[in-house]
Amino acid sequence: MKWHEKIGYELFEPDRETTHGELIFFRFFELFIIVYAIKFSWEWAIYTQLRNVEVVRPLGLANYVDVSLFFEHNLALLNAALITILILFCFFRKGPKWLYMVVMVLFHIQHVVRYSQGEIPHSHNLIGMSVLCLAIGAWFFPGREKMPRFVLGSIIFFIGLGYTSAFFSKLIGTGFNWYDGRHLWLWISEKSIDILSREGAYHPNILQQMALNSTAVASVILLIGWFTELIGFTMWWKKIRPYTTSLLIAMHFGITLTMNIRFDAFVMQLVLVGYPWYKIIDRYMMTMPGFVKKWV
């Protein structure tokens, strides 16, 4: 078995028997993605309707299509309503297999319309990637046994690839001195301006004070986070996936404490895909009364 075949085996587990717990968990996970996709669609639509007036930074399709049309005539709100209706049809498996792909395109349009102004949060990208994986899975792997394996395996693959790629991006862009503590000083200062303008006051926490008082402490904080990104690809192996996931979640909490950057949806999705929850569900189902198990 070649190395890429081994990775595929770890991600998609083709020889493992599908369990009720796995199917139940996948439906819950799909519902999580759908709820956040709907939430983000409406948040972006309302923001676009109230604030966007021109395309400052074209993203994705916005590089080829003029999306400023969505700034007027309530088109962003109409698009959010359409996404909501179609994605619910997808969840209940009503309509053609390619309907999820239509949702993906509309969701992407909504995203590039909203973020034609600048910075893009991480959580939104991961939800979008998950919608894409759902779209591919529903179209090409529609079986109730194949689709969960493909969707979850693909998401785990891209999460691991994303973290490790982030490590090398920093290395290529800045060099080995990326972990210089003075960089963390700069980022803390930048976020303090955002908080000060939003809340009228800024008070650094204990960890931030430690980092600001010592370049060595700040450098260690960055170095730990950087190394954690490097090993992100180890999520691809199921035996060590929970441990890698735990380290990544801890890293995100560290980023929140040091730079006041939150990753709510991102971290929740890490919790969902990083641990074998289906095993707990299967174990619990063994103790269920027969009529409850049949209904589930």
Protein backbone atom coordinates (compact mmCIF):
# COMPACT_ATOMS: atom_id res chain seq x y z
CA MET A 1 0.00 0.00 0.00
CA LYS A 2 1.44 3.36 -1.08
CA TRP A 3 1.69 6.31 1.35
CA HIS A 4 -1.24 8.20 -0.19
CA GLU A 5 -3.36 5.07 -0.06
CA LYS A 6 -2.54 4.71 3.64
CA ILE A 7 -3.63 8.30 4.27
CA GLY A 8 -6.88 7.66 2.38
CA TYR A 9 -7.43 4.51 4.44
CA GLU A 10 -6.96 6.46 7.68
CA LEU A 11 -9.29 9.25 6.60
CA PHE A 12 -12.13 7.26 5.05
CA GLU A 13 -11.83 3.88 6.84
CA PRO A 14 -13.33 1.83 3.96
CA ASP A 15 -13.15 -1.48 5.86
CA ARG A 16 -14.95 -0.33 9.01
CA GLU A 17 -18.59 -1.31 9.29
CA THR A 18 -21.05 1.58 9.34
CA THR A 19 -22.82 1.91 12.70
CA HIS A 20 -26.02 3.62 13.83
CA GLY A 21 -23.94 5.92 15.99
CA GLU A 22 -21.96 7.08 12.98
CA LEU A 23 -25.11 7.87 10.98
CA ILE A 24 -26.71 9.71 13.91
CA PHE A 25 -23.57 11.74 14.53
CA PHE A 26 -23.26 12.65 10.87
CA ARG A 27 -26.81 14.00 10.78
CA PHE A 28 -26.06 16.08 13.86
CA PHE A 29 -22.84 17.35 12.29
CA GLU A 30 -24.63 18.19 9.04
CA LEU A 31 -27.25 20.09 11.04
CA PHE A 32 -24.46 22.03 12.77
CA ILE A 33 -23.03 23.08 9.39
CA ILE A 34 -26.46 24.02 8.07
CA VAL A 35 -27.33 26.14 11.11
CA TYR A 36 -24.08 28.09 10.81
CA ALA A 37 -24.42 28.42 7.03
CA ILE A 38 -27.87 29.94 7.48
CA LYS A 39 -26.63 32.14 10.34
CA PHE A 40 -23.69 33.46 8.35
CA SER A 41 -25.80 33.97 5.21
CA TRP A 42 -28.21 36.27 7.03
CA GLU A 43 -25.47 38.09 8.94
CA TRP A 44 -23.61 38.76 5.69
CA ALA A 45 -26.80 39.83 3.94
CA ILE A 46 -27.75 42.34 6.64
CA TYR A 47 -24.20 43.74 6.78
CA THR A 48 -24.07 44.02 2.98
CA GLN A 49 -27.44 45.76 2.84
CA LEU A 50 -26.49 48.30 5.50
CA ARG A 51 -22.82 49.03 4.83
CA ASN A 52 -21.35 47.81 1.55
CA VAL A 53 -21.22 50.42 -1.18
CA GLU A 54 -18.34 49.29 -3.43
CA VAL A 55 -15.98 46.37 -3.99
CA VAL A 56 -12.68 47.14 -2.27
CA ARG A 57 -11.12 43.68 -2.32
CA PRO A 58 -12.58 41.23 -4.86
CA LEU A 59 -12.51 37.59 -3.75
CA GLY A 60 -13.28 34.39 -5.65
CA LEU A 61 -16.00 34.95 -8.23
CA ALA A 62 -15.83 38.68 -7.52
CA ASN A 63 -12.63 38.73 -9.58
CA TYR A 64 -14.65 37.80 -12.66
CA VAL A 65 -18.18 39.02 -11.91
CA ASP A 66 -19.30 42.43 -10.67
CA VAL A 67 -20.92 41.59 -7.32
CA SER A 68 -21.74 45.21 -6.47
CA LEU A 69 -25.21 44.48 -7.87
CA PHE A 70 -25.92 42.69 -4.59
CA PHE A 71 -25.40 45.90 -2.63
CA GLU A 72 -28.79 47.16 -3.81
CA HIS A 73 -32.34 45.96 -4.43
CA ASN A 74 -32.21 43.67 -1.36
CA LEU A 75 -30.50 41.01 -3.49
CA ALA A 76 -28.24 39.88 -0.61
CA LEU A 77 -31.32 39.34 1.57
CA LEU A 78 -33.06 37.43 -1.22
CA ASN A 79 -29.97 35.29 -1.68
CA ALA A 80 -29.92 34.50 2.06
CA ALA A 81 -33.56 33.46 1.89
CA LEU A 82 -32.86 31.24 -1.12
CA ILE A 83 -29.86 29.63 0.62
CA THR A 84 -32.01 28.94 3.69
CA ILE A 85 -34.76 27.23 1.70
CA LEU A 86 -32.46 25.16 -0.52
CA ILE A 87 -30.14 24.02 2.27
CA LEU A 88 -33.13 22.76 4.27
CA PHE A 89 -34.24 20.83 1.19
CA CYS A 90 -30.74 19.33 1.07
CA PHE A 91 -30.82 18.35 4.73
CA PHE A 92 -34.10 16.50 4.32
CA ARG A 93 -32.84 14.96 1.04
CA LYS A 94 -35.48 16.59 -1.12
CA GLY A 95 -34.55 17.49 -4.66
CA PRO A 96 -31.71 16.41 -6.97
CA LYS A 97 -28.30 15.25 -5.75
CA TRP A 98 -26.61 18.37 -7.14
CA LEU A 99 -28.77 20.78 -5.09
CA TYR A 100 -26.07 21.10 -2.42
CA MET A 101 -23.73 22.37 -5.13
CA VAL A 102 -26.18 25.14 -5.97
CA VAL A 103 -26.22 26.07 -2.28
CA MET A 104 -22.41 26.09 -2.33
CA VAL A 105 -22.30 28.55 -5.23
CA LEU A 106 -24.90 30.85 -3.64
CA PHE A 107 -23.08 30.65 -0.30
CA HIS A 108 -19.81 31.55 -2.01
CA ILE A 109 -21.45 34.53 -3.70
CA GLN A 110 -22.83 35.70 -0.37
CA HIS A 111 -19.37 35.38 1.15
CA VAL A 112 -17.52 37.35 -1.54
CA VAL A 113 -20.21 40.04 -1.51
CA ARG A 114 -19.89 40.53 2.26
CA TYR A 115 -16.09 40.30 2.41
CA SER A 116 -15.43 42.48 -0.60
CA GLN A 117 -14.30 44.98 2.06
CA GLY A 118 -11.37 43.16 3.67
CA GLU A 119 -10.46 40.66 6.42
CA ILE A 120 -12.02 37.17 6.41
CA PRO A 121 -12.66 35.20 9.64
CA HIS A 122 -11.38 31.62 9.83
CA SER A 123 -14.69 30.13 10.99
CA HIS A 124 -16.47 31.26 7.84
CA ASN A 125 -13.91 29.59 5.61
CA LEU A 126 -14.20 26.26 7.41
CA ILE A 127 -18.01 26.30 7.25
CA GLY A 128 -17.74 27.08 3.54
CA MET A 129 -15.29 24.21 3.04
CA SER A 130 -17.70 21.91 4.88
CA VAL A 131 -20.57 22.96 2.62
CA LEU A 132 -18.35 22.16 -0.38
CA CYS A 133 -17.56 18.70 1.03
CA LEU A 134 -21.27 18.11 1.63
CA ALA A 135 -21.99 19.17 -1.95
CA ILE A 136 -19.40 16.79 -3.42
CA GLY A 137 -20.48 13.99 -1.11
CA ALA A 138 -24.18 14.39 -1.91
CA TRP A 139 -23.51 14.44 -5.65
CA PHE A 140 -20.84 11.75 -6.07
CA PHE A 141 -21.22 9.64 -2.90
CA PRO A 142 -24.96 9.81 -2.20
CA GLY A 143 -25.30 6.56 -0.23
CA ARG A 144 -26.03 6.94 3.46
CA GLU A 145 -22.94 4.87 4.24
CA LYS A 146 -20.53 6.50 1.76
CA MET A 147 -21.48 10.16 2.21
CA PRO A 148 -20.63 10.47 5.94
CA ARG A 149 -17.20 8.85 5.44
CA PHE A 150 -16.36 11.06 2.48
CA VAL A 151 -17.57 14.32 4.04
CA LEU A 152 -15.92 13.89 7.44
CA GLY A 153 -12.74 12.42 5.96
CA SER A 154 -12.42 15.27 3.47
CA ILE A 155 -12.99 17.94 6.12
CA ILE A 156 -10.36 16.38 8.39
CA PHE A 157 -7.94 16.25 5.44
CA PHE A 158 -8.38 19.93 4.62
CA ILE A 159 -8.17 21.00 8.27
CA GLY A 160 -4.87 19.16 8.72
CA LEU A 161 -3.54 20.47 5.41
CA GLY A 162 -4.62 24.01 6.31
CA TYR A 163 -2.76 24.07 9.62
CA THR A 164 0.47 22.63 8.23
CA SER A 165 0.27 24.95 5.21
CA ALA A 166 -0.11 27.88 7.62
CA PHE A 167 3.18 26.87 9.26
CA PHE A 168 5.03 26.88 5.93
CA SER A 169 3.33 30.09 4.79
CA LYS A 170 4.72 31.86 7.84
CA LEU A 171 8.12 30.28 7.25
CA ILE A 172 8.20 31.36 3.59
CA GLY A 173 6.75 34.82 4.23
CA THR A 174 8.81 35.82 7.27
CA GLY A 175 11.53 33.23 7.75
CA PHE A 176 12.72 31.41 10.85
CA ASN A 177 12.41 34.58 12.92
CA TRP A 178 8.60 34.53 12.65
CA TYR A 179 8.40 33.50 16.30
CA ASP A 180 10.23 36.68 17.38
CA GLY A 181 8.26 37.92 20.40
CA ARG A 182 8.20 41.47 19.02
CA HIS A 183 5.79 40.24 16.36
CA LEU A 184 3.37 39.25 19.12
CA TRP A 185 3.78 42.71 20.67
CA LEU A 186 2.69 44.21 17.33
CA TRP A 187 -0.36 41.96 17.03
CA ILE A 188 -1.44 42.59 20.62
CA SER A 189 -1.15 46.33 20.00
CA GLU A 190 -3.20 46.11 16.80
CA LYS A 191 -6.01 44.19 18.52
CA SER A 192 -5.94 46.57 21.48
CA ILE A 193 -6.83 49.40 19.10
CA ASP A 194 -9.84 47.44 17.85
CA ILE A 195 -11.02 46.74 21.40
CA LEU A 196 -10.39 50.31 22.51
CA SER A 197 -12.42 51.72 19.62
CA ARG A 198 -15.25 49.23 20.26
CA GLU A 199 -15.45 49.28 24.05
CA GLY A 200 -13.75 52.52 25.04
CA ALA A 201 -11.18 50.77 27.25
CA TYR A 202 -8.51 48.10 26.99
CA HIS A 203 -6.98 46.13 29.88
CA PRO A 204 -4.41 43.43 29.01
CA ASN A 205 -4.85 40.12 30.80
CA ILE A 206 -2.12 38.32 32.75
CA LEU A 207 -0.83 36.36 29.75
CA GLN A 208 -0.67 39.50 27.62
CA GLN A 209 1.17 41.35 30.37
CA MET A 210 3.70 38.52 30.63
CA ALA A 211 4.23 38.57 26.86
CA LEU A 212 4.57 42.36 26.73
CA ASN A 213 7.06 42.37 29.60
CA SER A 214 9.38 39.78 28.07
CA THR A 215 10.36 39.04 24.48
CA ALA A 216 11.41 35.56 25.62
CA VAL A 217 7.93 34.74 26.93
CA ALA A 218 6.31 36.19 23.81
CA SER A 219 8.66 34.17 21.60
CA VAL A 220 7.90 30.93 23.45
CA ILE A 221 4.15 31.55 23.04
CA LEU A 222 4.56 32.03 19.28
CA LEU A 223 6.93 29.07 18.95
CA ILE A 224 4.47 26.71 20.68
CA GLY A 225 1.64 27.86 18.41
CA TRP A 226 3.82 27.60 15.32
CA PHE A 227 4.92 24.05 16.14
CA THR A 228 1.31 23.07 16.81
CA GLU A 229 0.39 24.26 13.33
CA LEU A 230 3.22 22.17 11.86
CA ILE A 231 1.82 18.91 13.27
CA GLY A 232 -1.74 19.71 12.11
CA PHE A 233 -1.46 17.11 9.35
CA THR A 234 -1.25 14.35 11.98
CA MET A 235 -5.03 14.69 12.27
CA TRP A 236 -5.10 12.39 9.24
CA TRP A 237 -4.23 9.40 11.45
CA LYS A 238 -7.23 8.31 13.51
CA LYS A 239 -5.26 6.97 16.49
CA ILE A 240 -3.54 10.28 17.25
CA ARG A 241 -6.32 12.53 15.91
CA PRO A 242 -7.86 13.25 19.35
CA TYR A 243 -4.47 14.32 20.74
CA THR A 244 -3.68 16.58 17.78
CA THR A 245 -7.17 18.06 17.99
CA SER A 246 -6.70 18.80 21.69
CA LEU A 247 -3.42 20.61 20.98
CA LEU A 248 -5.05 22.66 18.19
CA ILE A 249 -7.97 23.63 20.43
CA ALA A 250 -5.51 24.66 23.17
CA MET A 251 -3.63 26.74 20.58
CA HIS A 252 -6.83 28.56 19.63
CA PHE A 253 -7.57 29.34 23.27
CA GLY A 254 -4.03 30.69 23.52
CA ILE A 255 -4.61 32.92 20.50
CA THR A 256 -7.82 34.20 22.08
CA LEU A 257 -6.03 34.99 25.35
CA THR A 258 -3.04 36.69 23.73
CA MET A 259 -4.59 38.46 20.73
CA ASN A 260 -8.31 38.58 21.54
CA ILE A 261 -9.16 36.69 18.33
CA ARG A 262 -12.05 34.25 18.75
CA PHE A 263 -12.69 31.13 16.67
CA ASP A 264 -16.06 30.01 18.03
CA ALA A 265 -17.49 28.05 15.09
CA PHE A 266 -14.03 26.86 14.08
CA VAL A 267 -13.25 25.40 17.51
CA MET A 268 -16.70 23.82 17.82
CA GLN A 269 -16.19 22.13 14.47
CA LEU A 270 -12.77 20.90 15.59
CA VAL A 271 -14.43 19.37 18.66
CA LEU A 272 -16.97 17.61 16.45
CA VAL A 273 -14.62 16.14 13.84
CA GLY A 274 -11.59 15.54 16.05
CA TYR A 275 -13.03 12.96 18.42
CA PRO A 276 -14.80 9.61 17.77
CA TRP A 277 -18.22 10.65 19.09
CA TYR A 278 -19.95 7.85 17.18
CA LYS A 279 -18.38 5.33 19.57
CA ILE A 280 -20.03 7.02 22.54
CA ILE A 281 -23.38 7.06 20.73
CA ASP A 282 -23.05 3.37 19.84
CA ARG A 283 -22.17 2.51 23.43
CA TYR A 284 -25.15 4.49 24.71
CA MET A 285 -27.49 2.86 22.19
CA MET A 286 -26.61 -0.58 23.56
CA THR A 287 -28.28 0.41 26.86
CA MET A 288 -31.40 1.87 25.23
CA PRO A 289 -34.78 0.12 25.50
CA GLY A 290 -35.68 -1.71 22.29
CA PHE A 291 -38.50 0.63 21.20
CA VAL A 292 -36.29 3.72 21.70
CA LYS A 293 -33.46 2.17 19.70
CA LYS A 294 -35.86 1.28 16.88
CA TRP A 295 -37.20 4.83 16.75
CA VAL A 296 -33.66 6.30 16.74
